């Protein structure tokens, strides 16, 4: 009793103490999903994938279908500060759960706020295009399985598409992007490699010299492994048959077949044969390659962009050994290799 009087007195004198941390944001309920779909009826999907794995190409192809719209880089669930930052403070929780707030019916309105914000952003674009299936593509290179869990908390009814690329080609693509952009994170050794590459490319294509430092291989390969494992495991667990995994290399080799599978997964009514010609036309251009050429032609011209198997002519034996140690098992899991004897 005395403790309660002390607390009441402290509040009267100093005011109600503020919380330092909000409670966990609740997941949206199926009943709330049904309610919100009365206002935002379009079907939603999200494309995830490690950086440099073909997410942009897949987005460009997906929206060729007359029923499907896709745009990119909303990063609702894949890059800080994330969609949930809109309500992820004690102040927002207090406001959205306040007992005097007669609109919340005694519940935390946070999941509805998050869903409404994302739905409006997605559907505004789709409405302009006159399409009823809409999605976002945002690479998921750093948050991995948490991105899947955060997505499911807001969109348990949506579909998740995950595109995977051979980690060895991811490694090369990431390396050359850093080179072309002259990233501020380049080390002194990285800069020496760039200068030597500009002078003479031959040692880097005959197995004599590596374009990598060992630390770079280990860092990127480890991130690739974690991303693939966590994303697929959580996607299968949470989304079940609402999850669609695919390989970038299959998209390159049989694009119409792969896109037909994807569009049917997304729930389109029909996939007409003439879409095959549109796919060919779209794949004949590479905006990323054109941008890199403008940025740094000397380095960009060394590597054909978007192709599968670039690693086979650029990896040294040491590169292979290090990558195999870190990520060899994942190559087998995704059927890039039958075993570790490559």
Protein backbone atom coordinates (compact mmCIF):
# COMPACT_ATOMS: atom_id res chain seq x y z
CA UNK A 1 0.00 0.00 0.00
CA UNK A 2 2.83 2.36 0.97
CA UNK A 3 4.54 1.61 -2.36
CA UNK A 4 1.38 2.54 -4.28
CA UNK A 5 1.10 5.84 -2.40
CA UNK A 6 4.75 6.61 -3.23
CA UNK A 7 4.13 5.88 -6.92
CA UNK A 8 0.99 8.02 -7.00
CA UNK A 9 2.78 10.86 -5.26
CA UNK A 10 5.72 10.69 -7.69
CA UNK A 11 3.35 10.82 -10.66
CA UNK A 12 1.54 13.82 -9.19
CA UNK A 13 4.80 15.68 -8.68
CA UNK A 14 6.89 14.58 -11.71
CA UNK A 15 4.31 13.21 -14.14
CA UNK A 16 3.91 9.70 -15.56
CA UNK A 17 7.37 8.23 -16.27
CA UNK A 18 8.05 7.53 -19.94
CA UNK A 19 8.80 4.02 -21.17
CA UNK A 20 12.23 3.48 -22.67
CA UNK A 21 11.12 0.66 -24.96
CA UNK A 22 7.86 -0.31 -26.56
CA UNK A 23 6.32 -3.77 -26.31
CA UNK A 24 6.73 -6.03 -29.35
CA UNK A 25 4.61 -4.93 -32.29
CA UNK A 26 1.80 -7.47 -32.65
CA UNK A 27 1.32 -9.34 -35.91
CA UNK A 28 -1.75 -8.51 -37.95
CA UNK A 29 -4.62 -10.97 -37.44
CA UNK A 30 -6.46 -12.75 -40.23
CA UNK A 31 -9.60 -10.86 -39.23
CA UNK A 32 -7.75 -7.56 -39.64
CA UNK A 33 -6.42 -8.71 -43.03
CA UNK A 34 -9.99 -9.41 -44.17
CA UNK A 35 -11.06 -5.96 -42.98
CA UNK A 36 -8.25 -4.08 -44.66
CA UNK A 37 -8.77 -5.91 -47.95
CA UNK A 38 -12.13 -4.19 -48.21
CA UNK A 39 -10.15 -0.98 -48.75
CA UNK A 40 -7.02 -2.36 -50.44
CA UNK A 41 -8.15 -5.40 -52.43
CA UNK A 42 -5.17 -6.01 -54.73
CA UNK A 43 -3.11 -9.17 -54.28
CA UNK A 44 0.43 -8.47 -53.02
CA UNK A 45 3.81 -10.10 -53.56
CA UNK A 46 7.37 -9.32 -52.57
CA UNK A 47 10.59 -10.25 -54.38
CA UNK A 48 13.58 -10.92 -52.13
CA UNK A 49 17.10 -11.93 -53.10
CA UNK A 50 20.72 -11.35 -52.18
CA UNK A 51 22.17 -8.26 -53.86
CA UNK A 52 23.46 -8.88 -57.40
CA UNK A 53 21.19 -11.90 -57.85
CA UNK A 54 18.85 -10.72 -60.60
CA UNK A 55 16.09 -9.10 -58.55
CA UNK A 56 16.00 -6.08 -60.88
CA UNK A 57 15.72 -8.19 -64.02
CA UNK A 58 12.98 -10.26 -62.43
CA UNK A 59 11.07 -7.10 -61.49
CA UNK A 60 11.33 -5.79 -65.06
CA UNK A 61 10.03 -9.06 -66.48
CA UNK A 62 7.27 -9.56 -63.91
CA UNK A 63 5.55 -6.29 -64.78
CA UNK A 64 5.41 -7.13 -68.49
CA UNK A 65 2.26 -9.10 -67.74
CA UNK A 66 -0.91 -7.02 -68.22
CA UNK A 67 -2.23 -8.11 -64.81
CA UNK A 68 0.96 -7.56 -62.79
CA UNK A 69 2.65 -4.40 -61.58
CA UNK A 70 6.00 -4.38 -59.79
CA UNK A 71 8.22 -1.55 -58.64
CA UNK A 72 11.35 -1.53 -56.56
CA UNK A 73 13.34 -0.60 -53.50
CA UNK A 74 10.57 0.21 -51.02
CA UNK A 75 12.56 -1.85 -48.50
CA UNK A 76 9.55 -2.33 -46.26
CA UNK A 77 11.26 -5.29 -44.57
CA UNK A 78 14.78 -5.47 -45.97
CA UNK A 79 16.74 -2.34 -45.07
CA UNK A 80 16.78 -0.05 -42.06
CA UNK A 81 14.86 1.87 -40.86
CA UNK A 82 12.11 -0.55 -42.11
CA UNK A 83 8.36 -0.14 -42.29
CA UNK A 84 7.94 -0.96 -38.60
CA UNK A 85 9.92 2.14 -37.64
CA UNK A 86 6.67 4.07 -38.19
CA UNK A 87 5.29 2.69 -34.92
CA UNK A 88 8.36 1.28 -33.21
CA UNK A 89 8.59 3.76 -30.34
CA UNK A 90 7.07 3.88 -26.85
CA UNK A 91 5.30 7.12 -27.82
CA UNK A 92 3.65 5.52 -30.86
CA UNK A 93 2.59 2.52 -28.78
CA UNK A 94 1.10 4.77 -26.11
CA UNK A 95 -0.86 6.70 -28.73
CA UNK A 96 -2.12 3.63 -30.60
CA UNK A 97 -3.11 1.71 -27.46
CA UNK A 98 -4.41 4.60 -25.33
CA UNK A 99 -7.62 3.65 -23.52
CA UNK A 100 -9.20 6.99 -24.27
CA UNK A 101 -8.68 6.34 -28.01
CA UNK A 102 -12.11 4.99 -28.91
CA UNK A 103 -10.95 3.98 -32.41
CA UNK A 104 -8.68 1.14 -31.30
CA UNK A 105 -11.35 -1.05 -29.66
CA UNK A 106 -8.92 -1.91 -26.88
CA UNK A 107 -6.28 -3.21 -29.29
CA UNK A 108 -2.90 -1.98 -30.55
CA UNK A 109 -3.52 -0.30 -33.91
CA UNK A 110 0.16 -0.66 -34.94
CA UNK A 111 -0.23 -3.59 -37.37
CA UNK A 112 -3.12 -1.84 -39.13
CA UNK A 113 -1.08 1.35 -39.46
CA UNK A 114 1.81 -0.57 -41.02
CA UNK A 115 -0.39 -2.54 -43.39
CA UNK A 116 -2.36 0.53 -44.46
CA UNK A 117 0.78 2.55 -45.18
CA UNK A 118 2.36 -0.18 -47.30
CA UNK A 119 -0.90 -1.06 -49.06
CA UNK A 120 -1.48 2.55 -50.08
CA UNK A 121 2.05 2.92 -51.48
CA UNK A 122 1.70 -0.29 -53.49
CA UNK A 123 -1.86 0.18 -54.68
CA UNK A 124 -1.48 3.82 -55.68
CA UNK A 125 1.09 2.77 -58.30
CA UNK A 126 -0.89 -0.28 -59.39
CA UNK A 127 -4.07 1.76 -59.82
CA UNK A 128 -2.27 4.10 -62.19
CA UNK A 129 -1.25 1.09 -64.27
CA UNK A 130 -4.70 -0.50 -64.11
CA UNK A 131 -3.35 -3.75 -62.60
CA UNK A 132 -4.74 -5.89 -59.79
CA UNK A 133 -1.60 -7.80 -58.70
CA UNK A 134 1.17 -5.64 -57.26
CA UNK A 135 4.54 -6.26 -55.71
CA UNK A 136 7.82 -4.74 -54.60
CA UNK A 137 11.33 -6.01 -55.21
CA UNK A 138 13.90 -5.16 -52.57
CA UNK A 139 17.18 -7.07 -52.15
CA UNK A 140 17.43 -8.71 -48.74
CA UNK A 141 21.19 -8.97 -48.23
CA UNK A 142 21.59 -7.99 -44.58
CA UNK A 143 18.45 -8.82 -42.59
CA UNK A 144 17.95 -12.35 -43.96
CA UNK A 145 15.37 -14.41 -42.04
CA UNK A 146 14.16 -11.44 -40.02
CA UNK A 147 12.96 -9.83 -43.24
CA UNK A 148 10.74 -12.85 -43.87
CA UNK A 149 9.37 -12.76 -40.33
CA UNK A 150 8.68 -9.03 -40.50
CA UNK A 151 6.93 -9.45 -43.84
CA UNK A 152 4.76 -12.26 -42.48
CA UNK A 153 3.74 -10.15 -39.47
CA UNK A 154 2.21 -7.56 -41.84
CA UNK A 155 1.43 -9.65 -44.95
CA UNK A 156 0.63 -13.25 -43.95
CA UNK A 157 -1.63 -13.42 -47.02
CA UNK A 158 0.96 -12.16 -49.53
CA UNK A 159 3.30 -14.20 -51.73
CA UNK A 160 7.06 -14.27 -51.37
CA UNK A 161 9.34 -14.75 -54.38
CA UNK A 162 13.01 -15.48 -53.74
CA UNK A 163 15.59 -15.46 -56.54
CA UNK A 164 18.99 -17.08 -56.04
CA UNK A 165 22.16 -16.71 -58.10
CA UNK A 166 25.36 -18.78 -58.02
CA UNK A 167 27.28 -17.25 -55.14
CA UNK A 168 30.51 -17.24 -57.13
CA UNK A 169 28.97 -14.94 -59.73
CA UNK A 170 27.40 -12.87 -56.95
CA UNK A 171 30.89 -12.44 -55.55
CA UNK A 172 32.27 -11.22 -58.89
CA UNK A 173 29.34 -8.91 -59.59
CA UNK A 174 29.61 -7.35 -56.13
CA UNK A 175 33.36 -6.92 -56.57
CA UNK A 176 33.05 -5.10 -59.86
CA UNK A 177 30.26 -2.92 -58.63
CA UNK A 178 32.56 -1.76 -55.83
CA UNK A 179 35.37 -1.22 -58.35
CA UNK A 180 33.21 0.72 -60.80
CA UNK A 181 31.73 2.91 -58.10
CA UNK A 182 35.15 3.26 -56.43
CA UNK A 183 33.53 2.48 -53.12
CA UNK A 184 34.71 4.35 -50.05
CA UNK A 185 35.13 0.97 -48.38
CA UNK A 186 37.94 -0.13 -50.70
CA UNK A 187 41.17 -0.98 -48.90
CA UNK A 188 44.66 -0.03 -50.05
CA UNK A 189 45.06 -3.55 -51.43
CA UNK A 190 41.76 -3.23 -53.31
CA UNK A 191 42.97 -0.02 -54.92
CA UNK A 192 46.23 -1.69 -56.00
CA UNK A 193 44.19 -4.44 -57.67
CA UNK A 194 42.15 -1.85 -59.58
CA UNK A 195 45.26 -0.05 -60.82
CA UNK A 196 46.90 -3.30 -61.92
CA UNK A 197 43.68 -4.35 -63.64
CA UNK A 198 43.64 -1.11 -65.61
CA UNK A 199 47.25 -1.65 -66.73
CA UNK A 200 47.01 -5.30 -67.77
CA UNK A 201 43.99 -7.61 -67.53
CA UNK A 202 45.82 -10.78 -68.65
CA UNK A 203 47.00 -12.03 -65.21
CA UNK A 204 43.44 -11.73 -63.91
CA UNK A 205 42.00 -13.98 -66.63
CA UNK A 206 44.58 -16.78 -66.76
CA UNK A 207 44.50 -17.84 -63.12
CA UNK A 208 47.69 -16.01 -62.18
CA UNK A 209 46.20 -13.14 -60.20
CA UNK A 210 42.99 -12.78 -58.15
CA UNK A 211 40.64 -9.83 -58.32
CA UNK A 212 39.77 -10.56 -54.67
CA UNK A 213 41.29 -10.30 -51.27
CA UNK A 214 40.67 -13.37 -49.13
CA UNK A 215 38.76 -11.30 -46.57
CA UNK A 216 36.37 -10.10 -49.30
CA UNK A 217 35.64 -13.66 -50.44
CA UNK A 218 34.98 -14.83 -46.92
CA UNK A 219 32.74 -11.88 -46.05
CA UNK A 220 30.56 -11.97 -49.16
CA UNK A 221 30.39 -15.78 -49.32
CA UNK A 222 29.34 -15.99 -45.67
CA UNK A 223 26.64 -13.37 -46.20
CA UNK A 224 25.38 -15.26 -49.26
CA UNK A 225 25.14 -18.52 -47.31
CA UNK A 226 23.33 -16.95 -44.35
CA UNK A 227 20.92 -15.15 -46.65
CA UNK A 228 20.00 -18.28 -48.63
CA UNK A 229 19.63 -20.52 -45.61
CA UNK A 230 17.64 -18.19 -43.39
CA UNK A 231 15.44 -16.81 -46.14
CA UNK A 232 14.45 -20.16 -47.60
CA UNK A 233 14.01 -21.88 -44.23
CA UNK A 234 11.79 -19.11 -42.86
CA UNK A 235 9.90 -18.69 -46.14
CA UNK A 236 8.97 -22.38 -46.27
CA UNK A 237 8.01 -22.38 -42.59
CA UNK A 238 5.86 -19.24 -42.67
CA UNK A 239 4.52 -19.03 -46.22
CA UNK A 240 4.30 -22.64 -47.37
CA UNK A 241 2.76 -22.78 -50.84
CA UNK A 242 2.80 -18.96 -50.92
CA UNK A 243 6.59 -19.18 -51.34
CA UNK A 244 8.26 -19.43 -54.76
CA UNK A 245 12.01 -20.03 -55.02
CA UNK A 246 13.82 -19.73 -58.34
CA UNK A 247 17.34 -19.52 -59.80
CA UNK A 248 18.67 -16.62 -61.84
CA UNK A 249 20.44 -19.01 -64.20
CA UNK A 250 17.17 -20.75 -65.08
CA UNK A 251 15.63 -17.35 -65.78
CA UNK A 252 18.42 -16.69 -68.28
CA UNK A 253 18.23 -20.08 -70.00
CA UNK A 254 14.44 -20.56 -70.23
CA UNK A 255 12.95 -17.15 -69.47
CA UNK A 256 9.42 -17.71 -70.80
CA UNK A 257 9.07 -21.00 -68.93
CA UNK A 258 10.29 -19.48 -65.68
CA UNK A 259 8.16 -16.38 -66.02
CA UNK A 260 5.10 -18.47 -66.85
CA UNK A 261 5.61 -20.41 -63.63
CA UNK A 262 6.00 -17.17 -61.69
CA UNK A 263 2.97 -15.46 -63.21
CA UNK A 264 0.81 -18.52 -62.56
CA UNK A 265 2.08 -18.58 -58.98
CA UNK A 266 1.04 -14.93 -58.62
CA UNK A 267 -2.47 -15.82 -59.74
CA UNK A 268 -2.82 -14.33 -63.22
CA UNK A 269 -5.74 -15.47 -65.34
CA UNK A 270 -3.78 -16.20 -68.51
CA UNK A 271 -0.21 -16.22 -69.86
CA UNK A 272 -0.30 -15.48 -73.58
CA UNK A 273 2.45 -16.71 -75.91
CA UNK A 274 3.18 -13.22 -77.21
CA UNK A 275 4.67 -12.38 -73.82
CA UNK A 276 7.65 -14.44 -74.95
CA UNK A 277 8.63 -11.74 -77.45
CA UNK A 278 8.25 -9.03 -74.84
CA UNK A 279 10.52 -10.99 -72.53
CA UNK A 280 13.19 -11.31 -75.24
CA UNK A 281 13.05 -7.59 -75.96
CA UNK A 282 13.31 -6.68 -72.27
CA UNK A 283 16.24 -9.03 -71.71
CA UNK A 284 18.14 -7.60 -74.68
CA UNK A 285 18.84 -4.44 -72.70
CA UNK A 286 20.86 -4.12 -69.52
CA UNK A 287 20.43 -0.71 -67.86
CA UNK A 288 22.87 -1.66 -65.09
CA UNK A 289 25.60 -2.45 -67.62
CA UNK A 290 24.99 0.83 -69.44
CA UNK A 291 25.13 2.77 -66.18
CA UNK A 292 28.40 1.11 -65.12
CA UNK A 293 29.95 1.79 -68.52
CA UNK A 294 29.18 5.49 -68.15
CA UNK A 295 30.53 5.50 -64.61
CA UNK A 296 33.84 3.71 -65.24
CA UNK A 297 34.26 2.28 -68.74
CA UNK A 298 37.78 0.93 -68.22
CA UNK A 299 36.78 -1.37 -65.37
CA UNK A 300 33.19 -2.07 -66.45
CA UNK A 301 34.24 -3.40 -69.87
CA UNK A 302 36.30 -6.15 -68.25
CA UNK A 303 33.24 -8.10 -67.10
CA UNK A 304 30.22 -9.06 -69.23
CA UNK A 305 27.24 -8.13 -67.06
CA UNK A 306 24.37 -10.42 -66.20
CA UNK A 307 25.93 -13.59 -67.56
CA UNK A 308 26.13 -16.93 -65.79
CA UNK A 309 29.49 -18.57 -65.16
CA UNK A 310 31.80 -15.53 -65.16
CA UNK A 311 33.45 -17.00 -62.09
CA UNK A 312 34.92 -19.91 -64.07
CA UNK A 313 37.33 -17.68 -65.96
CA UNK A 314 38.20 -15.33 -63.09
CA UNK A 315 38.59 -17.55 -60.02
CA UNK A 316 42.10 -18.66 -59.12
CA UNK A 317 42.65 -22.01 -57.41
CA UNK A 318 42.99 -20.18 -54.10
CA UNK A 319 39.70 -18.35 -54.73
CA UNK A 320 37.98 -21.69 -55.35
CA UNK A 321 39.44 -23.19 -52.20
CA UNK A 322 38.32 -20.31 -49.97
CA UNK A 323 34.83 -20.10 -51.46
CA UNK A 324 34.40 -23.87 -51.25
CA UNK A 325 35.35 -23.80 -47.57
CA UNK A 326 32.76 -21.12 -46.76
CA UNK A 327 29.93 -21.82 -49.19
CA UNK A 328 30.52 -25.12 -50.96
CA UNK A 329 27.64 -26.92 -49.28
CA UNK A 330 25.19 -24.19 -50.29
CA UNK A 331 26.24 -24.56 -53.94
CA UNK A 332 25.26 -28.22 -53.68
CA UNK A 333 21.99 -27.46 -51.90
CA UNK A 334 20.88 -25.19 -54.76
CA UNK A 335 22.21 -27.63 -57.39
CA UNK A 336 25.00 -25.45 -58.71
CA UNK A 337 27.38 -28.35 -58.07
CA UNK A 338 26.81 -32.06 -57.50
CA UNK A 339 29.51 -32.23 -54.84
CA UNK A 340 32.59 -30.36 -53.63
CA UNK A 341 34.85 -31.67 -56.39
CA UNK A 342 34.89 -28.65 -58.65
